[in-house]
Amino acid sequence: MSTLPPAHIQKFGIDTLEKKVYTIAEELKEYMPLESDRNRLGFNLFKKFKGEGDDVTTIFRTNKFQIQSISRKDLIKLIEEKLSNI
């Protein structure tokens, strides 16, 4: 029995919207310890920028992110501040 190599992961360029949004999500590592939560947040933020997603408050209301060391309200404010820099 043999296994196939893992699928190739395409890296986004530094200037792309995808990279910027996922970087914001990754910077929240101390507040969102689970990598899957950060990836889901990055995906939802990217959809928001494309005009297909919800605002940050709705993203947090509909997803069950594990948050530590900060309140949900303060984390939403922090994310909105970071998004305004894009």
N, C-alpha and C. Protein backbone atom coordinates (compact mmCIF):
# COMPACT_ATOMS: atom_id res chain seq x y z
N MET A 1 0.84 -1.17 0.00
CA MET A 1 0.00 0.00 0.00
C MET A 1 0.89 1.24 0.00
N SER A 2 0.56 2.18 -0.85
CA SER A 2 1.36 3.40 -0.92
C SER A 2 0.46 4.62 -0.73
N THR A 3 1.09 5.70 -0.38
CA THR A 3 0.34 6.94 -0.20
C THR A 3 0.84 7.97 -1.19
N LEU A 4 -0.01 8.87 -1.53
CA LEU A 4 0.35 9.94 -2.45
C LEU A 4 0.97 11.09 -1.67
N PRO A 5 1.80 11.88 -2.32
CA PRO A 5 2.34 13.05 -1.62
C PRO A 5 1.22 14.05 -1.35
N PRO A 6 1.42 14.91 -0.36
CA PRO A 6 0.37 15.88 -0.06
C PRO A 6 0.16 16.86 -1.21
N ALA A 7 -1.00 17.44 -1.24
CA ALA A 7 -1.32 18.40 -2.30
C ALA A 7 -0.42 19.63 -2.16
N HIS A 8 -0.09 20.22 -3.29
CA HIS A 8 0.75 21.41 -3.30
C HIS A 8 -0.06 22.60 -2.79
N ILE A 9 0.54 23.37 -1.93
CA ILE A 9 -0.13 24.56 -1.39
C ILE A 9 0.45 25.78 -2.09
N GLN A 10 -0.41 26.53 -2.72
CA GLN A 10 0.03 27.72 -3.44
C GLN A 10 0.18 28.87 -2.45
N LYS A 11 1.34 29.48 -2.44
CA LYS A 11 1.60 30.63 -1.58
C LYS A 11 1.18 31.90 -2.31
N PHE A 12 0.52 32.79 -1.59
CA PHE A 12 0.10 34.05 -2.18
C PHE A 12 1.24 35.05 -2.09
N GLY A 13 1.28 35.97 -3.04
CA GLY A 13 2.29 37.02 -3.03
C GLY A 13 2.07 37.98 -1.87
N ILE A 14 3.10 38.71 -1.50
CA ILE A 14 3.05 39.61 -0.36
C ILE A 14 2.00 40.71 -0.55
N ASP A 15 1.81 41.16 -1.76
CA ASP A 15 0.91 42.28 -2.03
C ASP A 15 -0.54 41.87 -2.26
N THR A 16 -0.85 40.61 -2.22
CA THR A 16 -2.22 40.18 -2.52
C THR A 16 -3.13 40.38 -1.32
N LEU A 17 -4.39 40.55 -1.60
CA LEU A 17 -5.39 40.73 -0.55
C LEU A 17 -5.47 39.49 0.34
N GLU A 18 -5.36 38.33 -0.26
CA GLU A 18 -5.42 37.08 0.50
C GLU A 18 -4.35 37.04 1.57
N LYS A 19 -3.13 37.38 1.18
CA LYS A 19 -2.00 37.35 2.11
C LYS A 19 -2.20 38.35 3.24
N LYS A 20 -2.67 39.54 2.92
CA LYS A 20 -2.87 40.57 3.93
C LYS A 20 -3.93 40.15 4.95
N VAL A 21 -5.03 39.59 4.47
CA VAL A 21 -6.12 39.20 5.36
C VAL A 21 -5.72 38.01 6.22
N TYR A 22 -5.08 37.00 5.64
CA TYR A 22 -4.67 35.85 6.42
C TYR A 22 -3.55 36.21 7.39
N THR A 23 -2.74 37.21 7.08
CA THR A 23 -1.71 37.68 8.00
C THR A 23 -2.35 38.32 9.22
N ILE A 24 -3.41 39.09 9.01
CA ILE A 24 -4.14 39.68 10.14
C ILE A 24 -4.65 38.57 11.06
N ALA A 25 -5.24 37.55 10.48
CA ALA A 25 -5.76 36.43 11.28
C ALA A 25 -4.62 35.73 12.02
N GLU A 26 -3.48 35.56 11.38
CA GLU A 26 -2.36 34.87 12.00
C GLU A 26 -1.74 35.70 13.13
N GLU A 27 -1.81 37.02 13.04
CA GLU A 27 -1.28 37.88 14.09
C GLU A 27 -2.08 37.78 15.38
N LEU A 28 -3.24 37.18 15.33
CA LEU A 28 -4.09 37.04 16.52
C LEU A 28 -3.85 35.72 17.25
N LYS A 29 -2.69 35.14 17.04
CA LYS A 29 -2.36 33.83 17.60
C LYS A 29 -2.49 33.80 19.13
N GLU A 30 -2.14 34.89 19.80
CA GLU A 30 -2.22 34.88 21.26
C GLU A 30 -3.66 34.95 21.76
N TYR A 31 -4.57 35.45 20.95
CA TYR A 31 -5.98 35.54 21.35
C TYR A 31 -6.82 34.40 20.79
N MET A 32 -6.40 33.84 19.67
CA MET A 32 -7.11 32.72 19.05
C MET A 32 -6.10 31.58 18.89
N PRO A 33 -6.01 30.69 19.88
CA PRO A 33 -4.95 29.68 19.88
C PRO A 33 -5.10 28.58 18.82
N LEU A 34 -6.29 28.34 18.33
CA LEU A 34 -6.49 27.26 17.36
C LEU A 34 -6.24 27.74 15.94
N GLU A 35 -5.38 27.03 15.23
CA GLU A 35 -5.04 27.39 13.86
C GLU A 35 -6.26 27.32 12.95
N SER A 36 -7.12 26.36 13.18
CA SER A 36 -8.32 26.22 12.34
C SER A 36 -9.25 27.43 12.51
N ASP A 37 -9.32 27.97 13.73
CA ASP A 37 -10.13 29.18 13.96
C ASP A 37 -9.54 30.37 13.20
N ARG A 38 -8.21 30.50 13.22
CA ARG A 38 -7.57 31.61 12.51
C ARG A 38 -7.76 31.47 11.00
N ASN A 39 -7.68 30.25 10.49
CA ASN A 39 -7.90 30.04 9.05
C ASN A 39 -9.34 30.36 8.67
N ARG A 40 -10.28 29.95 9.50
CA ARG A 40 -11.69 30.24 9.23
C ARG A 40 -11.95 31.74 9.29
N LEU A 41 -11.31 32.43 10.24
CA LEU A 41 -11.45 33.88 10.33
C LEU A 41 -10.87 34.54 9.08
N GLY A 42 -9.69 34.10 8.64
CA GLY A 42 -9.08 34.66 7.44
C GLY A 42 -9.97 34.47 6.22
N PHE A 43 -10.56 33.30 6.09
CA PHE A 43 -11.46 33.03 4.96
C PHE A 43 -12.67 33.95 4.99
N ASN A 44 -13.26 34.12 6.18
CA ASN A 44 -14.44 34.99 6.30
C ASN A 44 -14.09 36.44 6.05
N LEU A 45 -12.92 36.88 6.50
CA LEU A 45 -12.50 38.27 6.24
C LEU A 45 -12.24 38.49 4.76
N PHE A 46 -11.67 37.49 4.10
CA PHE A 46 -11.43 37.61 2.66
C PHE A 46 -12.76 37.72 1.91
N LYS A 47 -13.74 36.90 2.30
CA LYS A 47 -15.06 36.99 1.67
C LYS A 47 -15.69 38.36 1.91
N LYS A 48 -15.47 38.93 3.09
CA LYS A 48 -15.99 40.26 3.40
C LYS A 48 -15.42 41.29 2.44
N PHE A 49 -14.12 41.21 2.17
CA PHE A 49 -13.48 42.17 1.27
C PHE A 49 -13.95 41.99 -0.17
N LYS A 50 -14.31 40.78 -0.54
CA LYS A 50 -14.81 40.53 -1.89
C LYS A 50 -16.26 40.95 -2.04
N GLY A 51 -16.90 41.32 -0.95
CA GLY A 51 -18.30 41.74 -0.99
C GLY A 51 -19.27 40.59 -0.84
N GLU A 52 -18.79 39.42 -0.49
CA GLU A 52 -19.65 38.25 -0.36
C GLU A 52 -19.91 37.87 1.10
N GLY A 53 -19.19 38.48 2.01
CA GLY A 53 -19.28 38.05 3.40
C GLY A 53 -19.95 39.06 4.30
N ASP A 54 -19.92 38.74 5.58
CA ASP A 54 -20.56 39.55 6.60
C ASP A 54 -19.55 40.48 7.26
N ASP A 55 -20.08 41.38 8.08
CA ASP A 55 -19.19 42.25 8.84
C ASP A 55 -18.54 41.45 9.98
N VAL A 56 -17.56 42.03 10.64
CA VAL A 56 -16.76 41.31 11.63
C VAL A 56 -17.62 40.85 12.81
N THR A 57 -18.55 41.67 13.24
CA THR A 57 -19.42 41.30 14.36
C THR A 57 -20.24 40.06 14.02
N THR A 58 -20.78 40.01 12.83
CA THR A 58 -21.57 38.85 12.40
C THR A 58 -20.70 37.62 12.24
N ILE A 59 -19.48 37.79 11.76
CA ILE A 59 -18.55 36.66 11.64
C ILE A 59 -18.33 36.03 13.00
N PHE A 60 -18.13 36.84 14.03
CA PHE A 60 -17.90 36.30 15.37
C PHE A 60 -19.17 35.73 15.98
N ARG A 61 -20.31 36.26 15.62
CA ARG A 61 -21.56 35.75 16.16
C ARG A 61 -21.90 34.38 15.56
N THR A 62 -21.59 34.17 14.28
CA THR A 62 -21.97 32.93 13.62
C THR A 62 -20.93 31.82 13.74
N ASN A 63 -19.69 32.17 14.05
CA ASN A 63 -18.64 31.17 14.21
C ASN A 63 -18.33 31.01 15.69
N LYS A 64 -17.97 29.82 16.08
CA LYS A 64 -17.67 29.57 17.49
C LYS A 64 -16.15 29.51 17.66
N PHE A 65 -15.54 30.71 17.64
CA PHE A 65 -14.10 30.80 17.81
C PHE A 65 -13.75 30.64 19.28
N GLN A 66 -12.64 29.97 19.54
CA GLN A 66 -12.13 29.88 20.90
C GLN A 66 -11.23 31.09 21.13
N ILE A 67 -11.60 31.93 22.09
CA ILE A 67 -10.89 33.18 22.36
C ILE A 67 -10.34 33.13 23.79
N GLN A 68 -9.12 33.65 23.95
CA GLN A 68 -8.54 33.71 25.29
C GLN A 68 -7.85 35.05 25.50
N SER A 69 -7.77 35.51 26.74
CA SER A 69 -7.03 36.70 27.18
C SER A 69 -7.59 38.02 26.68
N ILE A 70 -8.76 38.02 26.06
CA ILE A 70 -9.35 39.26 25.55
C ILE A 70 -10.85 39.03 25.39
N SER A 71 -11.62 40.09 25.54
CA SER A 71 -13.06 39.94 25.35
C SER A 71 -13.37 39.92 23.85
N ARG A 72 -14.50 39.36 23.52
CA ARG A 72 -14.93 39.28 22.12
C ARG A 72 -15.07 40.69 21.53
N LYS A 73 -15.62 41.60 22.31
CA LYS A 73 -15.83 42.97 21.85
C LYS A 73 -14.50 43.66 21.54
N ASP A 74 -13.51 43.48 22.42
CA ASP A 74 -12.19 44.09 22.20
C ASP A 74 -11.47 43.46 21.01
N LEU A 75 -11.65 42.16 20.83
CA LEU A 75 -11.03 41.49 19.69
C LEU A 75 -11.63 41.97 18.38
N ILE A 76 -12.93 42.19 18.36
CA ILE A 76 -13.59 42.71 17.15
C ILE A 76 -13.07 44.10 16.83
N LYS A 77 -12.91 44.94 17.85
CA LYS A 77 -12.35 46.29 17.63
C LYS A 77 -10.94 46.20 17.08
N LEU A 78 -10.12 45.31 17.64
CA LEU A 78 -8.74 45.13 17.18
C LEU A 78 -8.70 44.71 15.72
N ILE A 79 -9.55 43.77 15.34
CA ILE A 79 -9.58 43.30 13.95
C ILE A 79 -10.03 44.42 13.01
N GLU A 80 -11.04 45.17 13.41
CA GLU A 80 -11.52 46.27 12.56
C GLU A 80 -10.45 47.34 12.38
N GLU A 81 -9.65 47.60 13.41
CA GLU A 81 -8.53 48.54 13.29
C GLU A 81 -7.50 48.04 12.28
N LYS A 82 -7.19 46.73 12.38
CA LYS A 82 -6.22 46.15 11.46
C LYS A 82 -6.75 46.16 10.02
N LEU A 83 -8.05 45.93 9.86
CA LEU A 83 -8.64 45.92 8.52
C LEU A 83 -8.65 47.31 7.90
N SER A 84 -8.75 48.33 8.72
CA SER A 84 -8.77 49.68 8.18
C SER A 84 -7.42 50.08 7.59
N ASN A 85 -6.36 49.38 7.95
CA ASN A 85 -5.03 49.65 7.41
C ASN A 85 -4.80 49.03 6.04
N ILE A 86 -5.69 48.16 5.61
CA ILE A 86 -5.52 47.51 4.29
C ILE A 86 -6.01 48.44 3.21
